[in-house]
Protein backbone atom coordinates (compact mmCIF):
# COMPACT_ATOMS: atom_id res chain seq x y z
CA UNK A 1 7.58 -21.29 -2.64
CA UNK A 2 6.25 -18.45 -0.51
CA UNK A 3 3.62 -16.17 -2.00
CA UNK A 4 4.13 -12.62 -0.71
CA UNK A 5 1.87 -9.63 -1.06
CA UNK A 6 3.50 -6.21 -0.97
CA UNK A 7 1.36 -3.32 0.25
CA UNK A 8 3.12 0.02 0.25
CA UNK A 9 1.81 3.41 1.24
CA UNK A 10 2.43 6.31 3.56
CA UNK A 11 -0.03 4.79 6.08
CA UNK A 12 -0.64 8.22 7.54
CA UNK A 13 -2.72 6.82 9.21
CA UNK A 14 -3.29 3.14 8.32
CA UNK A 15 -7.01 2.44 8.02
CA UNK A 16 -9.48 -0.35 7.41
CA UNK A 17 -9.25 0.13 3.64
CA UNK A 18 -5.61 -0.99 3.77
CA UNK A 19 -6.44 -3.96 5.99
CA UNK A 20 -9.40 -4.99 3.84
CA UNK A 21 -7.33 -4.99 0.64
CA UNK A 22 -4.67 -7.13 2.31
CA UNK A 23 -7.21 -9.59 3.71
CA UNK A 24 -9.08 -9.95 0.43
CA UNK A 25 -5.79 -10.42 -1.44
CA UNK A 26 -4.64 -13.08 1.02
CA UNK A 27 -7.77 -15.11 0.42
CA UNK A 28 -8.14 -14.72 -3.33
CA UNK A 29 -4.48 -14.78 -4.37
CA UNK A 30 -3.61 -17.48 -1.80
CA UNK A 31 -0.90 -15.35 -0.25
CA UNK A 32 1.12 -16.69 2.65
CA UNK A 33 1.85 -13.21 3.97
CA UNK A 34 1.31 -9.56 3.23
CA UNK A 35 4.17 -7.19 4.00
CA UNK A 36 3.07 -3.65 4.83
CA UNK A 37 5.83 -1.26 3.82
CA UNK A 38 5.40 2.32 5.05
CA UNK A 39 6.97 4.57 2.45
CA UNK A 40 10.02 6.70 3.05
CA UNK A 41 9.39 9.76 0.88
CA UNK A 42 7.34 8.72 -2.16
CA UNK A 43 8.54 10.51 -5.31
CA UNK A 44 4.95 11.50 -6.21
CA UNK A 45 4.43 13.12 -2.80
CA UNK A 46 7.50 15.32 -2.59
CA UNK A 47 5.36 18.39 -1.86
CA UNK A 48 3.29 16.66 0.83
CA UNK A 49 4.05 16.87 4.52
CA UNK A 50 3.87 13.39 6.03
CA UNK A 51 4.21 12.26 9.61
CA UNK A 52 7.61 11.08 10.86
CA UNK A 53 8.44 7.51 9.88
CA UNK A 54 8.58 6.31 13.48
CA UNK A 55 4.92 7.20 13.98
CA UNK A 56 3.78 5.69 10.70
CA UNK A 57 5.71 2.49 11.39
CA UNK A 58 4.30 2.10 14.89
CA UNK A 59 0.72 2.85 13.79
CA UNK A 60 1.04 0.25 11.04
CA UNK A 61 2.43 -2.33 13.49
CA UNK A 62 -0.53 -1.69 15.77
CA UNK A 63 -2.97 -1.93 12.86
CA UNK A 64 -1.78 -5.38 11.74
CA UNK A 65 -0.93 -6.88 15.12
CA UNK A 66 -3.94 -9.19 15.32
CA UNK A 67 -3.41 -10.92 11.96
CA UNK A 68 -0.69 -13.55 11.82
CA UNK A 69 -0.40 -13.26 8.03
CA UNK A 70 0.32 -9.53 8.15
CA UNK A 71 3.75 -8.09 8.94
CA UNK A 72 5.34 -4.66 8.85
CA UNK A 73 8.63 -4.20 7.03
CA UNK A 74 10.71 -1.05 7.58
CA UNK A 75 12.94 -1.50 4.53
CA UNK A 76 11.51 1.43 2.60
CA UNK A 77 11.74 4.02 5.37
CA UNK A 78 15.26 2.92 6.31
CA UNK A 79 16.82 3.01 2.84
CA UNK A 80 18.19 6.17 1.23
CA UNK A 81 16.11 7.99 -1.39
CA UNK A 82 14.86 7.93 -4.06
CA UNK A 83 12.10 5.61 -2.89
CA UNK A 84 10.98 3.96 -6.11
CA UNK A 85 8.86 0.80 -6.18
CA UNK A 86 11.30 -0.81 -8.60
CA UNK A 87 14.31 -0.43 -6.31
CA UNK A 88 12.25 -1.68 -3.35
CA UNK A 89 11.22 -4.79 -5.26
CA UNK A 90 14.84 -5.47 -6.18
CA UNK A 91 15.79 -5.32 -2.50
CA UNK A 92 12.94 -7.61 -1.54
CA UNK A 93 13.97 -10.13 -4.18
CA UNK A 94 17.45 -10.20 -2.65
CA UNK A 95 15.97 -10.92 0.78
CA UNK A 96 13.38 -13.45 -0.42
CA UNK A 97 14.96 -15.02 -3.51
CA UNK A 98 12.51 -17.94 -3.64
CA UNK A 99 9.31 -15.91 -3.17
CA UNK A 100 6.64 -14.99 -5.68
CA UNK A 101 5.51 -11.37 -5.29
CA UNK A 102 2.20 -9.59 -5.80
CA UNK A 103 2.20 -5.80 -5.64
CA UNK A 104 -1.18 -4.86 -4.15
CA UNK A 105 -2.66 -1.69 -5.63
CA UNK A 106 -5.98 -0.08 -6.47
CA UNK A 107 -7.21 0.44 -10.01
CA UNK A 108 -6.23 4.12 -9.72
CA UNK A 109 -2.60 3.06 -9.31
CA UNK A 110 -2.97 0.62 -12.21
CA UNK A 111 -4.22 3.51 -14.35
CA UNK A 112 -1.18 5.60 -13.37
CA UNK A 113 1.36 2.77 -13.67
CA UNK A 114 2.88 4.04 -16.96
CA UNK A 115 3.97 7.20 -15.10
CA UNK A 116 5.92 5.22 -12.48
CA UNK A 117 9.69 4.81 -12.61
CA UNK A 118 10.52 2.00 -15.12
CA UNK A 119 7.10 0.33 -14.89
CA UNK A 120 8.04 -2.37 -17.38
CA UNK A 121 10.78 -3.57 -15.05
CA UNK A 122 8.28 -3.69 -12.17
CA UNK A 123 6.24 -6.21 -14.14
CA UNK A 124 9.25 -8.53 -14.38
CA UNK A 125 9.56 -8.62 -10.59
CA UNK A 126 5.95 -8.87 -9.40
CA UNK A 127 2.44 -9.58 -10.48
CA UNK A 128 -0.19 -6.94 -9.74
CA UNK A 129 -3.02 -7.69 -7.32
CA UNK A 130 -5.53 -5.01 -8.24
CA UNK A 131 -8.60 -3.98 -6.25
CA UNK A 132 -11.08 -2.19 -8.56
CA UNK A 133 -12.14 1.23 -7.30
CA UNK A 134 -15.49 2.83 -7.94
CA UNK A 135 -15.51 5.24 -10.88
CA UNK A 136 -12.04 4.25 -12.10
CA UNK A 137 -12.41 1.95 -15.11
CA UNK A 138 -9.36 0.30 -16.60
CA UNK A 139 -8.46 1.68 -20.05
CA UNK A 140 -6.72 -1.40 -21.38
CA UNK A 141 -6.06 0.15 -24.79
CA UNK A 142 -3.97 2.98 -23.31
CA UNK A 143 -2.35 0.73 -20.72
CA UNK A 144 -1.26 -1.95 -23.17
CA UNK A 145 0.05 0.66 -25.58
CA UNK A 146 2.31 1.94 -22.82
CA UNK A 147 3.01 -1.46 -21.22
CA UNK A 148 2.36 -4.35 -23.63
CA UNK A 149 2.75 -7.02 -20.90
CA UNK A 150 0.53 -5.42 -18.29
CA UNK A 151 -2.75 -7.26 -18.89
CA UNK A 152 -1.17 -10.68 -18.42
CA UNK A 153 0.41 -9.52 -15.14
CA UNK A 154 -2.83 -8.45 -13.44
CA UNK A 155 -4.87 -10.50 -10.98
CA UNK A 156 -8.03 -8.71 -9.88
CA UNK A 157 -9.09 -8.91 -6.27
CA UNK A 158 -12.87 -9.07 -6.29
CA UNK A 159 -14.21 -7.47 -3.14
CA UNK A 160 -16.49 -4.65 -2.03
CA UNK A 161 -14.51 -1.43 -2.23
CA UNK A 162 -14.04 0.81 0.77
CA UNK A 163 -13.45 4.34 -0.49
CA UNK A 164 -11.30 5.91 2.20
CA UNK A 165 -8.72 8.67 2.00
CA UNK A 166 -6.03 9.19 4.64
CA UNK A 167 -5.87 12.84 3.56
CA UNK A 168 -9.57 13.27 4.34
CA UNK A 169 -9.11 11.44 7.62
CA UNK A 170 -6.40 13.84 8.72
CA UNK A 171 -8.64 16.80 7.88
CA UNK A 172 -11.51 15.15 9.72
CA UNK A 173 -9.39 14.77 12.86
CA UNK A 174 -8.21 18.37 12.66
CA UNK A 175 -11.87 19.38 12.63
CA UNK A 176 -12.35 17.56 15.92
CA UNK A 177 -14.27 14.56 14.60
CA UNK A 178 -13.73 10.91 15.43
CA UNK A 179 -12.24 8.19 13.22
CA UNK A 180 -13.81 5.42 15.26
CA UNK A 181 -14.53 2.36 13.07
CA UNK A 182 -12.36 3.78 10.26
CA UNK A 183 -9.02 2.92 11.86
CA UNK A 184 -8.21 0.19 14.39
CA UNK A 185 -8.78 1.15 18.02
CA UNK A 186 -5.09 0.76 18.89
CA UNK A 187 -4.21 3.26 16.14
CA UNK A 188 -6.82 5.70 17.44
CA UNK A 189 -5.28 5.51 20.88
CA UNK A 190 -1.78 6.04 19.47
CA UNK A 191 -2.94 9.11 17.54
CA UNK A 192 -4.49 10.55 20.71
CA UNK A 193 -1.47 9.85 22.93
CA UNK A 194 0.96 11.44 20.48
CA UNK A 195 -1.30 14.31 19.42
CA UNK A 196 -1.01 13.51 15.73
CA UNK A 197 -2.94 15.41 13.05
CA UNK A 198 -3.73 18.32 15.35
CA UNK A 199 -3.30 21.98 14.54
C-alpha cells in the first residue's frame, strides 16, 4: 500500500522550507512519495493576489525536479472552486484508492485546523504530518474540544524548523535583494526570466 504525503500551498514561490518539510516527512513517516499541489484559489486567501497558476506550477516542478520521490500534481489548480482541502482529498482518494495519505502541515495550520472547512471529515481521509514551528505551541485542550479525534491523527515530524515566508520573499525581491540559497537555483532563474515579483 503506497504511503503518500500531500503538501499543498500557493508555492509563490516554492522555497527550501517546503522542500525540507517534504524530505523530513519522507524519512520519518516512511512515505513513498510526496505530491506537491499548488493551490487554485485558497479560501483563506481570497483577498490576496497570487501569481498565475502556470507560473506557480512550473516553479514547483523545477523545485522538485531533482528528487525522485517528489512530484507535482495540478489537480487543485485545474478543478473548479471552491478549493477546499476536504474536496481535494476526496478527489485524491478516487485516484489512489489503495493509498494511505498524510497531509503535511506546520503547527500553525494544526492550530487553525478547527477553522477549516469540515475539519473532522479531513481526519477521516488523512493523517496529519505536522512540523512544529517556533513559537507556536499546540493547545491540545482547545484542539480536542473542537476535534476530539485530532490528537490520535497527528504524527509529528521532528526536524529543525526553517522559518521562511513566501510573502516576505516577494517583498525582498521587490526591494532588489537576492533569494539565493532560499529557493532552488532553477526557480531563481525562472523568476528572473519571467520578471516575477517586480513592481
